[in-house]
Amino acid sequence: MGKNYPSKLTKDIHRLFDPLLQRHSKWQAFSDFLIMTACAISNSVDIKNYEMREKQYMDVVKKYTSQELDLFAQILAELINVMGQCVQDGNLKDILGVLFHELKLHNERKGQFFTPQEISDMIAIMTMGDITPEVEQHGFFAVAEPSCGSGDMMISAANATQRAGYNYCTQMVVDCTDIDISCVHMCYIQLSYYGIPAVVRHGNTLLLEVWSSWYTTIFMAEGWCWKYRRSSLLSEVV
């Protein structure tokens, strides 16, 4: 990242992470933060998976002191604050993807390079085209991503939707998958806090395998599972 590391968006999150690294590796602290946050969000809306994810959450909690858990709470508060500022600015950003790379947690040997936000924004505009016909026919349009990473393309799709004069919270629905569970967690957390209706799957798109599904709060609260099923865009979401 050179002289731009850490970025203005993530500098306070870095500061809060540093004390955790005295007893835990960067990867352990980061992935455990993702697990706890994703499970907490899911358990607010997904009764079916509640017990399993509550156990997963508590298994992670046991690794940390009360002071360390307080740091995780502060990290989440700062993340929500930064994302809230992005919403106010009308330009959503992939904050966790940036943090992931700044902490040097990407796996270069597996080709795990996340697309820069500016490129994702350009791709979204070029590939989505005119969404008006879909919105007029169905009341919304659907976006699918077979390898979602931290969710940067879905975030860019939301930006493009907003710039086209539509509301991504009510007129866009997302269906995405990744084989890496940490990517699933990052994508799920960000789409949830940005208010994007989405199902994020942990699975292998090429083999048509799905191991778990994560539904954003707005997806469940606004009944998107039924809206999506009734449309002809895809036969089933859940």
C-alpha atoms as a PDB file:
ATOM      1  CA  MET A   1       0.000   0.000   0.000  1.00  0.00           C
ATOM      2  CA  GLY A   2       3.058   2.261   0.205  1.00  0.00           C
ATOM      3  CA  LYS A   3       2.532   5.690   1.683  1.00  0.00           C
ATOM      4  CA  ASN A   4      -1.243   5.263   1.538  1.00  0.00           C
ATOM      5  CA  TYR A   5      -1.177   2.521   4.208  1.00  0.00           C
ATOM      6  CA  PRO A   6      -3.358   2.602   6.221  1.00  0.00           C
ATOM      7  CA  SER A   7      -6.014   4.566   4.383  1.00  0.00           C
ATOM      8  CA  LYS A   8      -7.970   7.395   5.989  1.00  0.00           C
ATOM      9  CA  LEU A   9     -11.001   5.117   6.087  1.00  0.00           C
ATOM     10  CA  THR A  10      -9.286   2.358   8.052  1.00  0.00           C
ATOM     11  CA  LYS A  11      -6.672   4.083  10.236  1.00  0.00           C
ATOM     12  CA  ASP A  12      -8.802   3.989  13.409  1.00  0.00           C
ATOM     13  CA  ILE A  13      -9.669   0.333  12.824  1.00  0.00           C
ATOM     14  CA  HIS A  14      -5.953  -0.458  12.527  1.00  0.00           C
ATOM     15  CA  ARG A  15      -5.319   1.328  15.805  1.00  0.00           C
ATOM     16  CA  LEU A  16      -7.941  -0.779  17.572  1.00  0.00           C
ATOM     17  CA  PHE A  17      -6.640  -4.029  16.057  1.00  0.00           C
ATOM     18  CA  ASP A  18      -3.047  -3.469  17.203  1.00  0.00           C
ATOM     19  CA  PRO A  19      -3.522  -4.464  20.900  1.00  0.00           C
ATOM     20  CA  LEU A  20      -5.161  -7.733  19.807  1.00  0.00           C
ATOM     21  CA  LEU A  21      -1.983  -8.719  17.996  1.00  0.00           C
ATOM     22  CA  GLN A  22      -0.062  -9.038  21.258  1.00  0.00           C
ATOM     23  CA  ARG A  23      -1.669 -12.446  21.880  1.00  0.00           C
ATOM     24  CA  HIS A  24      -3.243 -13.355  18.547  1.00  0.00           C
ATOM     25  CA  SER A  25      -2.128 -13.465  14.926  1.00  0.00           C
ATOM     26  CA  LYS A  26      -3.522 -10.919  12.474  1.00  0.00           C
ATOM     27  CA  TRP A  27      -5.384 -13.637  10.622  1.00  0.00           C
ATOM     28  CA  GLN A  28      -6.911 -15.094  13.811  1.00  0.00           C
ATOM     29  CA  ALA A  29      -8.065 -11.737  15.144  1.00  0.00           C
ATOM     30  CA  PHE A  30      -9.494 -10.651  11.794  1.00  0.00           C
ATOM     31  CA  SER A  31     -11.272 -13.913  10.984  1.00  0.00           C
ATOM     32  CA  ASP A  32     -12.685 -14.165  14.514  1.00  0.00           C
ATOM     33  CA  PHE A  33     -14.007 -10.611  14.215  1.00  0.00           C
ATOM     34  CA  LEU A  34     -15.733 -11.633  10.982  1.00  0.00           C
ATOM     35  CA  ILE A  35     -17.223 -14.770  12.524  1.00  0.00           C
ATOM     36  CA  MET A  36     -18.620 -12.989  15.574  1.00  0.00           C
ATOM     37  CA  THR A  37     -20.049 -10.114  13.547  1.00  0.00           C
ATOM     38  CA  ALA A  38     -21.589 -12.310  10.835  1.00  0.00           C
ATOM     39  CA  CYS A  39     -23.125 -14.681  13.393  1.00  0.00           C
ATOM     40  CA  ALA A  40     -24.556 -11.786  15.420  1.00  0.00           C
ATOM     41  CA  ILE A  41     -26.202 -10.293  12.323  1.00  0.00           C
ATOM     42  CA  SER A  42     -27.525 -13.648  11.147  1.00  0.00           C
ATOM     43  CA  ASN A  43     -28.962 -14.515  14.545  1.00  0.00           C
ATOM     44  CA  SER A  44     -31.080 -11.367  14.504  1.00  0.00           C
ATOM     45  CA  VAL A  45     -33.095 -12.693  11.541  1.00  0.00           C
ATOM     46  CA  ASP A  46     -32.341 -16.366  10.795  1.00  0.00           C
ATOM     47  CA  ILE A  47     -34.064 -18.699  13.270  1.00  0.00           C
ATOM     48  CA  LYS A  48     -33.183 -21.830  11.297  1.00  0.00           C
ATOM     49  CA  ASN A  49     -29.433 -21.408  11.784  1.00  0.00           C
ATOM     50  CA  TYR A  50     -29.590 -19.684  15.184  1.00  0.00           C
ATOM     51  CA  GLU A  51     -28.328 -22.473  17.462  1.00  0.00           C
ATOM     52  CA  MET A  52     -25.436 -23.477  15.216  1.00  0.00           C
ATOM     53  CA  ARG A  53     -24.244 -19.892  14.748  1.00  0.00           C
ATOM     54  CA  GLU A  54     -24.738 -18.999  18.409  1.00  0.00           C
ATOM     55  CA  LYS A  55     -22.442 -21.911  19.320  1.00  0.00           C
ATOM     56  CA  GLN A  56     -19.913 -20.758  16.741  1.00  0.00           C
ATOM     57  CA  TYR A  57     -20.067 -17.248  18.202  1.00  0.00           C
ATOM     58  CA  MET A  58     -19.556 -18.458  21.772  1.00  0.00           C
ATOM     59  CA  ASP A  59     -16.676 -20.746  20.765  1.00  0.00           C
ATOM     60  CA  VAL A  60     -14.850 -17.684  19.433  1.00  0.00           C
ATOM     61  CA  VAL A  61     -15.676 -15.537  22.479  1.00  0.00           C
ATOM     62  CA  LYS A  62     -13.928 -18.050  24.757  1.00  0.00           C
ATOM     63  CA  LYS A  63     -10.561 -17.268  23.151  1.00  0.00           C
ATOM     64  CA  TYR A  64     -10.531 -13.633  24.270  1.00  0.00           C
ATOM     65  CA  THR A  65     -10.365 -11.598  27.457  1.00  0.00           C
ATOM     66  CA  SER A  66     -13.091  -9.101  28.338  1.00  0.00           C
ATOM     67  CA  GLN A  67     -10.741  -6.259  27.360  1.00  0.00           C
ATOM     68  CA  GLU A  68     -10.119  -7.858  23.964  1.00  0.00           C
ATOM     69  CA  LEU A  69     -13.834  -8.383  23.396  1.00  0.00           C
ATOM     70  CA  ASP A  70     -14.346  -4.703  24.156  1.00  0.00           C
ATOM     71  CA  LEU A  71     -11.821  -3.912  21.413  1.00  0.00           C
ATOM     72  CA  PHE A  72     -13.823  -6.021  18.958  1.00  0.00           C
ATOM     73  CA  ALA A  73     -16.939  -4.029  19.897  1.00  0.00           C
ATOM     74  CA  GLN A  74     -15.058  -0.791  19.262  1.00  0.00           C
ATOM     75  CA  ILE A  75     -13.799  -2.094  15.904  1.00  0.00           C
ATOM     76  CA  LEU A  76     -17.358  -2.914  14.863  1.00  0.00           C
ATOM     77  CA  ALA A  77     -18.572   0.506  15.993  1.00  0.00           C
ATOM     78  CA  GLU A  78     -15.826   2.184  13.956  1.00  0.00           C
ATOM     79  CA  LEU A  79     -16.599   0.019  10.925  1.00  0.00           C
ATOM     80  CA  ILE A  80     -20.286   0.967  11.112  1.00  0.00           C
ATOM     81  CA  ASN A  81     -19.305   4.619  11.523  1.00  0.00           C
ATOM     82  CA  VAL A  82     -17.107   4.532   8.396  1.00  0.00           C
ATOM     83  CA  MET A  83     -19.753   2.702   6.370  1.00  0.00           C
ATOM     84  CA  GLY A  84     -22.387   5.152   7.577  1.00  0.00           C
ATOM     85  CA  GLN A  85     -20.251   8.008   6.300  1.00  0.00           C
ATOM     86  CA  CYS A  86     -20.017   6.262   2.906  1.00  0.00           C
ATOM     87  CA  VAL A  87     -23.827   6.055   2.813  1.00  0.00           C
ATOM     88  CA  GLN A  88     -24.096   9.755   3.629  1.00  0.00           C
ATOM     89  CA  ASP A  89     -21.594  10.572   0.885  1.00  0.00           C
ATOM     90  CA  GLY A  90     -23.616   8.514  -1.613  1.00  0.00           C
ATOM     91  CA  ASN A  91     -20.571   6.389  -2.466  1.00  0.00           C
ATOM     92  CA  LEU A  92     -20.467   2.953  -0.847  1.00  0.00           C
ATOM     93  CA  LYS A  93     -17.007   1.443  -0.376  1.00  0.00           C
ATOM     94  CA  ASP A  94     -15.575  -2.020   0.265  1.00  0.00           C
ATOM     95  CA  ILE A  95     -14.053  -1.196   3.658  1.00  0.00           C
ATOM     96  CA  LEU A  96     -13.350  -4.773   4.769  1.00  0.00           C
ATOM     97  CA  GLY A  97     -11.697  -5.589   1.439  1.00  0.00           C
ATOM     98  CA  VAL A  98      -9.378  -2.610   1.866  1.00  0.00           C
ATOM     99  CA  LEU A  99      -8.584  -3.658   5.434  1.00  0.00           C
ATOM    100  CA  PHE A 100      -7.998  -7.260   4.329  1.00  0.00           C
ATOM    101  CA  HIS A 101      -5.318  -6.149   1.874  1.00  0.00           C
ATOM    102  CA  GLU A 102      -3.780  -3.588   4.207  1.00  0.00           C
ATOM    103  CA  LEU A 103      -3.300  -6.323   6.817  1.00  0.00           C
ATOM    104  CA  LYS A 104      -1.706  -8.411   4.026  1.00  0.00           C
ATOM    105  CA  LEU A 105      -4.108 -11.294   4.596  1.00  0.00           C
ATOM    106  CA  HIS A 106      -4.838 -11.952   0.911  1.00  0.00           C
ATOM    107  CA  ASN A 107      -3.434 -15.221  -0.393  1.00  0.00           C
ATOM    108  CA  GLU A 108      -1.392 -14.408  -3.480  1.00  0.00           C
ATOM    109  CA  ARG A 109      -0.649 -18.075  -4.202  1.00  0.00           C
ATOM    110  CA  LYS A 110      -4.362 -18.722  -4.682  1.00  0.00           C
ATOM    111  CA  GLY A 111      -4.781 -15.632  -6.825  1.00  0.00           C
ATOM    112  CA  GLN A 112      -6.745 -13.848  -4.120  1.00  0.00           C
ATOM    113  CA  PHE A 113      -6.570 -10.256  -5.303  1.00  0.00           C
ATOM    114  CA  PHE A 114      -9.646  -8.102  -4.712  1.00  0.00           C
ATOM    115  CA  THR A 115     -10.659  -5.702  -7.458  1.00  0.00           C
ATOM    116  CA  PRO A 116      -9.988  -2.009  -6.665  1.00  0.00           C
ATOM    117  CA  GLN A 117     -13.224  -0.116  -6.020  1.00  0.00           C
ATOM    118  CA  GLU A 118     -12.784   2.276  -8.939  1.00  0.00           C
ATOM    119  CA  ILE A 119     -12.500  -0.643 -11.384  1.00  0.00           C
ATOM    120  CA  SER A 120     -15.482  -2.407  -9.809  1.00  0.00           C
ATOM    121  CA  ASP A 121     -17.547   0.762 -10.180  1.00  0.00           C
ATOM    122  CA  MET A 122     -16.614   1.015 -13.862  1.00  0.00           C
ATOM    123  CA  ILE A 123     -17.386  -2.674 -14.509  1.00  0.00           C
ATOM    124  CA  ALA A 124     -20.764  -2.347 -12.778  1.00  0.00           C
ATOM    125  CA  ILE A 125     -21.758   0.597 -14.960  1.00  0.00           C
ATOM    126  CA  MET A 126     -20.590  -1.164 -18.146  1.00  0.00           C
ATOM    127  CA  THR A 127     -22.205  -4.552 -17.456  1.00  0.00           C
ATOM    128  CA  MET A 128     -25.489  -3.524 -15.837  1.00  0.00           C
ATOM    129  CA  GLY A 129     -26.568  -1.283 -18.686  1.00  0.00           C
ATOM    130  CA  ASP A 130     -30.125   0.047 -18.566  1.00  0.00           C
ATOM    131  CA  ILE A 131     -31.907  -1.534 -15.598  1.00  0.00           C
ATOM    132  CA  THR A 132     -35.161   0.368 -16.205  1.00  0.00           C
ATOM    133  CA  PRO A 133     -36.962  -2.409 -18.161  1.00  0.00           C
ATOM    134  CA  GLU A 134     -36.331  -4.965 -15.376  1.00  0.00           C
ATOM    135  CA  VAL A 135     -37.398  -2.557 -12.658  1.00  0.00           C
ATOM    136  CA  GLU A 136     -40.557  -1.597 -14.537  1.00  0.00           C
ATOM    137  CA  GLN A 137     -41.488  -5.242 -15.168  1.00  0.00           C
ATOM    138  CA  HIS A 138     -40.671  -6.740 -11.758  1.00  0.00           C
ATOM    139  CA  GLY A 139     -40.333  -3.755  -9.437  1.00  0.00           C
ATOM    140  CA  PHE A 140     -36.665  -4.665  -8.966  1.00  0.00           C
ATOM    141  CA  PHE A 141     -33.735  -6.299 -10.731  1.00  0.00           C
ATOM    142  CA  ALA A 142     -31.413  -9.115  -9.654  1.00  0.00           C
ATOM    143  CA  VAL A 143     -27.627  -9.276  -9.581  1.00  0.00           C
ATOM    144  CA  ALA A 144     -25.642 -12.523  -9.300  1.00  0.00           C
ATOM    145  CA  GLU A 145     -21.942 -12.885  -8.449  1.00  0.00           C
ATOM    146  CA  PRO A 146     -20.382 -16.397  -8.573  1.00  0.00           C
ATOM    147  CA  SER A 147     -17.161 -15.364  -6.802  1.00  0.00           C
ATOM    148  CA  CYS A 148     -18.066 -12.423  -4.589  1.00  0.00           C
ATOM    149  CA  GLY A 149     -14.914 -11.927  -2.517  1.00  0.00           C
ATOM    150  CA  SER A 150     -15.545  -9.187   0.024  1.00  0.00           C
ATOM    151  CA  GLY A 151     -18.537  -7.928  -1.959  1.00  0.00           C
ATOM    152  CA  ASP A 152     -16.897  -5.124  -3.935  1.00  0.00           C
ATOM    153  CA  MET A 153     -18.817  -5.819  -7.166  1.00  0.00           C
ATOM    154  CA  MET A 154     -22.138  -5.948  -5.326  1.00  0.00           C
ATOM    155  CA  ILE A 155     -21.295  -2.694  -3.566  1.00  0.00           C
ATOM    156  CA  SER A 156     -20.450  -1.150  -6.940  1.00  0.00           C
ATOM    157  CA  ALA A 157     -23.753  -2.454  -8.332  1.00  0.00           C
ATOM    158  CA  ALA A 158     -25.515  -0.619  -5.498  1.00  0.00           C
ATOM    159  CA  ASN A 159     -23.600   2.554  -6.375  1.00  0.00           C
ATOM    160  CA  ALA A 160     -24.594   2.213 -10.037  1.00  0.00           C
ATOM    161  CA  THR A 161     -28.226   1.613  -9.067  1.00  0.00           C
ATOM    162  CA  GLN A 162     -28.245   4.732  -6.937  1.00  0.00           C
ATOM    163  CA  ARG A 163     -26.665   6.829  -9.687  1.00  0.00           C
ATOM    164  CA  ALA A 164     -29.314   5.573 -12.116  1.00  0.00           C
ATOM    165  CA  GLY A 165     -31.965   7.063  -9.855  1.00  0.00           C
ATOM    166  CA  TYR A 166     -33.127   3.857  -8.157  1.00  0.00           C
ATOM    167  CA  ASN A 167     -33.069   2.690  -4.543  1.00  0.00           C
ATOM    168  CA  TYR A 168     -30.749  -0.292  -4.072  1.00  0.00           C
ATOM    169  CA  CYS A 169     -32.434  -1.113  -0.744  1.00  0.00           C
ATOM    170  CA  THR A 170     -35.787  -1.758  -2.428  1.00  0.00           C
ATOM    171  CA  GLN A 171     -35.134  -2.211  -6.157  1.00  0.00           C
ATOM    172  CA  MET A 172     -32.054  -4.455  -6.267  1.00  0.00           C
ATOM    173  CA  VAL A 173     -31.578  -7.960  -4.894  1.00  0.00           C
ATOM    174  CA  VAL A 174     -28.258  -9.815  -4.767  1.00  0.00           C
ATOM    175  CA  ASP A 175     -27.415 -13.513  -4.981  1.00  0.00           C
ATOM    176  CA  CYS A 176     -23.712 -14.241  -4.515  1.00  0.00           C
ATOM    177  CA  THR A 177     -21.339 -17.070  -3.625  1.00  0.00           C
ATOM    178  CA  ASP A 178     -17.749 -17.621  -2.576  1.00  0.00           C
ATOM    179  CA  ILE A 179     -15.713 -20.708  -1.741  1.00  0.00           C
ATOM    180  CA  ASP A 180     -13.793 -18.885   1.025  1.00  0.00           C
ATOM    181  CA  ILE A 181     -15.834 -18.551   4.230  1.00  0.00           C
ATOM    182  CA  SER A 182     -13.975 -15.402   5.305  1.00  0.00           C
ATOM    183  CA  CYS A 183     -14.960 -13.776   2.016  1.00  0.00           C
ATOM    184  CA  VAL A 184     -18.540 -14.861   2.621  1.00  0.00           C
ATOM    185  CA  HIS A 185     -18.433 -13.224   6.062  1.00  0.00           C
ATOM    186  CA  MET A 186     -16.916  -9.990   4.729  1.00  0.00           C
ATOM    187  CA  CYS A 187     -19.458  -9.747   1.930  1.00  0.00           C
ATOM    188  CA  TYR A 188     -22.362 -10.588   4.233  1.00  0.00           C
ATOM    189  CA  ILE A 189     -21.382  -8.045   6.895  1.00  0.00           C
ATOM    190  CA  GLN A 190     -20.993  -5.219   4.400  1.00  0.00           C
ATOM    191  CA  LEU A 191     -24.141  -5.929   2.397  1.00  0.00           C
ATOM    192  CA  SER A 192     -26.060  -6.184   5.677  1.00  0.00           C
ATOM    193  CA  TYR A 193     -24.870  -2.857   7.052  1.00  0.00           C
ATOM    194  CA  TYR A 194     -25.346  -1.114   3.700  1.00  0.00           C
ATOM    195  CA  GLY A 195     -28.968  -2.315   3.650  1.00  0.00           C
ATOM    196  CA  ILE A 196     -28.610  -4.377   0.471  1.00  0.00           C
ATOM    197  CA  PRO A 197     -31.109  -7.262   0.098  1.00  0.00           C
ATOM    198  CA  ALA A 198     -28.920 -10.317  -0.446  1.00  0.00           C
ATOM    199  CA  VAL A 199     -28.322 -13.991   0.107  1.00  0.00           C
ATOM    200  CA  VAL A 200     -24.604 -14.748   0.417  1.00  0.00           C
ATOM    201  CA  ARG A 201     -23.705 -18.389  -0.032  1.00  0.00           C
ATOM    202  CA  HIS A 202     -20.668 -20.343   1.095  1.00  0.00           C
ATOM    203  CA  GLY A 203     -20.210 -22.764  -1.750  1.00  0.00           C
ATOM    204  CA  ASN A 204     -18.527 -23.822  -4.961  1.00  0.00           C
ATOM    205  CA  THR A 205     -20.255 -22.208  -7.932  1.00  0.00           C
ATOM    206  CA  LEU A 206     -18.575 -24.477 -10.491  1.00  0.00           C
ATOM    207  CA  LEU A 207     -19.739 -27.665  -8.739  1.00  0.00           C
ATOM    208  CA  LEU A 208     -23.129 -26.192  -7.780  1.00  0.00           C
ATOM    209  CA  GLU A 209     -22.422 -26.931  -4.112  1.00  0.00           C
ATOM    210  CA  VAL A 210     -23.784 -24.792  -1.259  1.00  0.00           C
ATOM    211  CA  TRP A 211     -22.637 -25.387   2.319  1.00  0.00           C
ATOM    212  CA  SER A 212     -24.346 -22.499   4.074  1.00  0.00           C
ATOM    213  CA  SER A 213     -26.486 -19.460   3.251  1.00  0.00           C
ATOM    214  CA  TRP A 214     -26.461 -16.049   4.923  1.00  0.00           C
ATOM    215  CA  TYR A 215     -29.405 -13.664   4.532  1.00  0.00           C
ATOM    216  CA  THR A 216     -28.997  -9.945   5.105  1.00  0.00           C
ATOM    217  CA  THR A 217     -31.348  -8.328   7.585  1.00  0.00           C
ATOM    218  CA  ILE A 218     -33.234  -6.309   4.973  1.00  0.00           C
ATOM    219  CA  PHE A 219     -33.598  -9.403   2.777  1.00  0.00           C
ATOM    220  CA  MET A 220     -35.477 -11.156   5.581  1.00  0.00           C
ATOM    221  CA  ALA A 221     -37.272  -8.151   7.070  1.00  0.00           C
ATOM    222  CA  GLU A 222     -38.711  -7.009   3.725  1.00  0.00           C
ATOM    223  CA  GLY A 223     -39.786 -10.491   2.595  1.00  0.00           C
ATOM    224  CA  TRP A 224     -37.393 -10.713  -0.327  1.00  0.00           C
ATOM    225  CA  CYS A 225     -37.382 -14.509  -0.258  1.00  0.00           C
ATOM    226  CA  TRP A 226     -41.044 -14.438  -1.361  1.00  0.00           C
ATOM    227  CA  LYS A 227     -40.666 -11.529  -3.804  1.00  0.00           C
ATOM    228  CA  TYR A 228     -37.745 -13.231  -5.480  1.00  0.00           C
ATOM    229  CA  ARG A 229     -39.473 -16.611  -5.710  1.00  0.00           C
ATOM    230  CA  ARG A 230     -42.553 -15.108  -7.335  1.00  0.00           C
ATOM    231  CA  SER A 231     -40.520 -13.367 -10.038  1.00  0.00           C
ATOM    232  CA  SER A 232     -39.250 -15.077 -13.203  1.00  0.00           C
ATOM    233  CA  LEU A 233     -35.684 -13.852 -12.667  1.00  0.00           C
ATOM    234  CA  LEU A 234     -34.612 -16.945 -10.765  1.00  0.00           C
ATOM    235  CA  SER A 235     -36.696 -19.917  -9.631  1.00  0.00           C
ATOM    236  CA  GLU A 236     -35.569 -19.961  -6.000  1.00  0.00           C
ATOM    237  CA  VAL A 237     -33.341 -18.115  -3.588  1.00  0.00           C
ATOM    238  CA  VAL A 238     -33.752 -19.920  -0.272  1.00  0.00           C
END
